[in-house]
């Protein structure tokens, strides 16, 4: 999960974009430590960029899992209150 890289200082990198606004992104080297499949590599095999399409899908999947857990915990809690 990407949660483990959230504490490191270099995760939110701001770089000027084409429209001269700052854009934020992930540091590919740090993403690689969590999940190498989420990183695209250059010709030399070095981490080049995070695969944002895959990152978004993975984050959505993790969110849905946690949402289901929260719903189940709520149901369990409510059923215990009734008893």
N, C-alpha and C. Protein backbone atom coordinates (compact mmCIF):
# COMPACT_ATOMS: atom_id res chain seq x y z
N UNK A 1 0.83 -1.18 0.00
CA UNK A 1 0.00 0.00 0.00
C UNK A 1 0.87 1.24 0.00
N UNK A 2 0.37 2.29 -0.57
CA UNK A 2 1.13 3.53 -0.63
C UNK A 2 1.15 4.28 0.68
N UNK A 3 0.37 3.87 1.64
CA UNK A 3 0.32 4.56 2.92
C UNK A 3 1.70 4.64 3.55
N UNK A 4 2.52 3.64 3.36
CA UNK A 4 3.81 3.62 4.02
C UNK A 4 4.78 4.65 3.47
N UNK A 5 4.53 5.22 2.29
CA UNK A 5 5.44 6.25 1.80
C UNK A 5 4.95 7.65 2.11
N UNK A 6 3.78 7.77 2.70
CA UNK A 6 3.23 9.08 2.97
C UNK A 6 4.00 9.88 4.00
N UNK A 7 4.80 9.24 4.83
CA UNK A 7 5.54 9.94 5.86
C UNK A 7 6.86 10.51 5.36
N UNK A 8 7.34 10.06 4.24
CA UNK A 8 8.63 10.54 3.76
C UNK A 8 8.49 11.92 3.14
N UNK A 9 9.49 12.77 3.31
CA UNK A 9 9.36 14.16 2.92
C UNK A 9 9.28 14.42 1.42
N UNK A 10 9.75 13.52 0.57
CA UNK A 10 9.80 13.82 -0.86
C UNK A 10 8.62 13.34 -1.66
N UNK A 11 7.57 12.88 -1.03
CA UNK A 11 6.47 12.27 -1.78
C UNK A 11 5.72 13.27 -2.64
N UNK A 12 5.38 14.42 -2.11
CA UNK A 12 4.63 15.40 -2.89
C UNK A 12 5.57 16.33 -3.62
N UNK A 13 5.98 15.97 -4.78
CA UNK A 13 6.93 16.77 -5.54
C UNK A 13 6.19 17.73 -6.44
N UNK A 14 6.52 19.01 -6.34
CA UNK A 14 5.90 20.01 -7.20
C UNK A 14 6.87 20.34 -8.33
N UNK A 15 6.39 20.24 -9.55
CA UNK A 15 7.21 20.56 -10.72
C UNK A 15 6.40 21.48 -11.62
N UNK A 16 7.07 22.44 -12.26
CA UNK A 16 6.32 23.29 -13.18
C UNK A 16 5.81 22.46 -14.35
N UNK A 17 4.58 22.70 -14.75
CA UNK A 17 4.00 21.96 -15.86
C UNK A 17 3.95 22.86 -17.09
N UNK A 18 3.40 22.33 -18.15
CA UNK A 18 3.32 23.07 -19.41
C UNK A 18 2.53 24.36 -19.24
N UNK A 19 1.48 24.34 -18.45
CA UNK A 19 0.67 25.53 -18.27
C UNK A 19 1.20 26.44 -17.16
N UNK A 20 2.42 26.20 -16.73
CA UNK A 20 3.14 27.01 -15.74
C UNK A 20 2.56 26.96 -14.34
N UNK A 21 1.73 26.01 -14.09
CA UNK A 21 1.24 25.78 -12.73
C UNK A 21 2.02 24.61 -12.16
N UNK A 22 2.12 24.59 -10.86
CA UNK A 22 2.80 23.44 -10.23
C UNK A 22 1.91 22.23 -10.33
N UNK A 23 2.51 21.09 -10.63
CA UNK A 23 1.80 19.83 -10.61
C UNK A 23 2.47 18.95 -9.58
N UNK A 24 1.69 18.15 -8.89
CA UNK A 24 2.21 17.31 -7.82
C UNK A 24 2.22 15.86 -8.28
N UNK A 25 3.22 15.14 -7.82
CA UNK A 25 3.31 13.75 -8.21
C UNK A 25 4.04 12.93 -7.18
N UNK A 26 4.15 11.67 -7.46
CA UNK A 26 4.85 10.74 -6.58
C UNK A 26 6.29 10.56 -7.06
N UNK A 27 7.18 10.26 -6.15
CA UNK A 27 8.57 9.98 -6.48
C UNK A 27 8.66 8.50 -6.85
N UNK A 28 9.04 8.24 -8.10
CA UNK A 28 9.04 6.86 -8.62
C UNK A 28 9.91 5.93 -7.76
N UNK A 29 11.04 6.41 -7.30
CA UNK A 29 11.92 5.57 -6.48
C UNK A 29 11.24 5.15 -5.18
N UNK A 30 10.42 6.02 -4.63
CA UNK A 30 9.73 5.70 -3.39
C UNK A 30 8.54 4.77 -3.65
N UNK A 31 7.86 4.98 -4.75
CA UNK A 31 6.75 4.09 -5.12
C UNK A 31 7.30 2.68 -5.35
N UNK A 32 8.47 2.59 -5.96
CA UNK A 32 9.10 1.30 -6.26
C UNK A 32 9.33 0.49 -4.99
N UNK A 33 9.65 1.14 -3.88
CA UNK A 33 9.90 0.40 -2.64
C UNK A 33 8.63 -0.24 -2.11
N UNK A 34 7.47 0.34 -2.45
CA UNK A 34 6.20 -0.19 -1.98
C UNK A 34 5.65 -1.23 -2.95
N UNK A 35 5.69 -0.91 -4.26
CA UNK A 35 5.16 -1.82 -5.27
C UNK A 35 5.85 -1.53 -6.61
N UNK A 36 6.84 -2.32 -6.99
CA UNK A 36 7.58 -2.09 -8.23
C UNK A 36 6.72 -2.12 -9.49
N UNK A 37 5.57 -2.80 -9.43
CA UNK A 37 4.68 -2.86 -10.60
C UNK A 37 4.02 -1.52 -10.90
N UNK A 38 4.08 -0.59 -9.97
CA UNK A 38 3.45 0.72 -10.16
C UNK A 38 4.41 1.75 -10.74
N UNK A 39 5.58 1.30 -11.21
CA UNK A 39 6.61 2.20 -11.72
C UNK A 39 6.95 1.87 -13.17
N UNK A 40 7.00 2.92 -14.01
CA UNK A 40 7.50 2.75 -15.38
C UNK A 40 9.00 3.05 -15.36
N UNK A 41 9.74 2.34 -16.18
CA UNK A 41 11.21 2.47 -16.18
C UNK A 41 11.70 3.05 -17.49
N UNK A 42 12.88 3.67 -17.42
CA UNK A 42 13.50 4.20 -18.63
C UNK A 42 14.26 3.10 -19.35
N UNK A 43 14.98 3.45 -20.39
CA UNK A 43 15.71 2.45 -21.20
C UNK A 43 16.78 1.71 -20.41
N UNK A 44 17.30 2.38 -19.38
CA UNK A 44 18.33 1.75 -18.55
C UNK A 44 17.75 0.93 -17.40
N UNK A 45 16.43 0.87 -17.31
CA UNK A 45 15.79 0.11 -16.26
C UNK A 45 15.63 0.85 -14.95
N UNK A 46 15.94 2.15 -14.95
CA UNK A 46 15.81 2.96 -13.74
C UNK A 46 14.37 3.48 -13.64
N UNK A 47 13.88 3.65 -12.41
CA UNK A 47 12.52 4.18 -12.24
C UNK A 47 12.40 5.56 -12.91
N UNK A 48 11.38 5.71 -13.74
CA UNK A 48 11.19 6.95 -14.49
C UNK A 48 9.99 7.74 -13.97
N UNK A 49 8.87 7.06 -13.81
CA UNK A 49 7.66 7.71 -13.33
C UNK A 49 6.72 6.69 -12.72
N UNK A 50 5.82 7.18 -11.88
CA UNK A 50 4.78 6.30 -11.35
C UNK A 50 3.75 6.07 -12.44
N UNK A 51 3.21 4.87 -12.48
CA UNK A 51 2.15 4.54 -13.44
C UNK A 51 0.83 4.96 -12.80
N UNK A 52 0.45 6.22 -13.03
CA UNK A 52 -0.70 6.79 -12.34
C UNK A 52 -1.99 6.05 -12.65
N UNK A 53 -2.12 5.51 -13.85
CA UNK A 53 -3.33 4.74 -14.15
C UNK A 53 -3.44 3.53 -13.23
N UNK A 54 -2.33 2.87 -12.98
CA UNK A 54 -2.33 1.71 -12.09
C UNK A 54 -2.45 2.14 -10.63
N UNK A 55 -1.82 3.26 -10.27
CA UNK A 55 -1.90 3.76 -8.90
C UNK A 55 -3.35 4.09 -8.56
N UNK A 56 -4.04 4.77 -9.46
CA UNK A 56 -5.43 5.14 -9.22
C UNK A 56 -6.31 3.90 -9.04
N UNK A 57 -6.11 2.90 -9.88
CA UNK A 57 -6.90 1.67 -9.77
C UNK A 57 -6.62 0.97 -8.44
N UNK A 58 -5.35 0.92 -8.05
CA UNK A 58 -4.98 0.27 -6.80
C UNK A 58 -5.56 1.02 -5.61
N UNK A 59 -5.50 2.36 -5.64
CA UNK A 59 -6.05 3.15 -4.54
C UNK A 59 -7.57 2.98 -4.43
N UNK A 60 -8.25 2.95 -5.58
CA UNK A 60 -9.69 2.73 -5.55
C UNK A 60 -10.02 1.37 -4.95
N UNK A 61 -9.29 0.35 -5.34
CA UNK A 61 -9.50 -0.99 -4.81
C UNK A 61 -9.29 -1.02 -3.29
N UNK A 62 -8.22 -0.40 -2.82
CA UNK A 62 -7.94 -0.36 -1.39
C UNK A 62 -9.01 0.44 -0.65
N UNK A 63 -9.47 1.54 -1.24
CA UNK A 63 -10.54 2.32 -0.63
C UNK A 63 -11.80 1.49 -0.48
N UNK A 64 -12.17 0.76 -1.54
CA UNK A 64 -13.37 -0.07 -1.48
C UNK A 64 -13.27 -1.15 -0.42
N UNK A 65 -12.09 -1.75 -0.27
CA UNK A 65 -11.89 -2.75 0.78
C UNK A 65 -12.11 -2.14 2.16
N UNK A 66 -11.50 -0.97 2.39
CA UNK A 66 -11.63 -0.32 3.69
C UNK A 66 -13.06 0.14 3.94
N UNK A 67 -13.74 0.59 2.90
CA UNK A 67 -15.13 1.01 3.03
C UNK A 67 -16.01 -0.17 3.46
N UNK A 68 -15.79 -1.31 2.84
CA UNK A 68 -16.55 -2.52 3.22
C UNK A 68 -16.26 -2.91 4.66
N UNK A 69 -15.00 -2.81 5.08
CA UNK A 69 -14.66 -3.12 6.47
C UNK A 69 -15.37 -2.18 7.42
N UNK A 70 -15.39 -0.89 7.09
CA UNK A 70 -16.05 0.10 7.95
C UNK A 70 -17.55 -0.17 8.03
N UNK A 71 -18.16 -0.52 6.91
CA UNK A 71 -19.59 -0.84 6.93
C UNK A 71 -19.87 -2.05 7.80
N UNK A 72 -19.03 -3.08 7.69
CA UNK A 72 -19.22 -4.29 8.50
C UNK A 72 -19.03 -3.99 9.98
N UNK A 73 -18.03 -3.18 10.31
CA UNK A 73 -17.82 -2.81 11.72
C UNK A 73 -19.02 -2.04 12.26
N UNK A 74 -19.58 -1.15 11.45
CA UNK A 74 -20.76 -0.40 11.86
C UNK A 74 -21.93 -1.34 12.11
N UNK A 75 -22.15 -2.29 11.21
CA UNK A 75 -23.23 -3.26 11.39
C UNK A 75 -23.02 -4.10 12.66
N UNK A 76 -21.77 -4.54 12.87
CA UNK A 76 -21.46 -5.32 14.06
C UNK A 76 -21.73 -4.51 15.32
N UNK A 77 -21.31 -3.26 15.32
CA UNK A 77 -21.50 -2.39 16.47
C UNK A 77 -22.99 -2.16 16.75
N UNK A 78 -23.73 -1.88 15.70
CA UNK A 78 -25.17 -1.64 15.86
C UNK A 78 -25.89 -2.89 16.37
N UNK A 79 -25.48 -4.06 15.88
CA UNK A 79 -26.12 -5.29 16.34
C UNK A 79 -25.80 -5.56 17.81
N UNK A 80 -24.62 -5.18 18.25
CA UNK A 80 -24.26 -5.36 19.65
C UNK A 80 -25.03 -4.39 20.55
N UNK A 81 -25.31 -3.19 20.02
CA UNK A 81 -26.11 -2.24 20.79
C UNK A 81 -27.53 -2.76 21.02
N UNK A 82 -28.07 -3.45 20.01
CA UNK A 82 -29.43 -3.99 20.10
C UNK A 82 -29.51 -5.09 21.13
N UNK A 83 -28.45 -5.88 21.23
CA UNK A 83 -28.44 -7.03 22.17
C UNK A 83 -28.32 -6.60 23.57
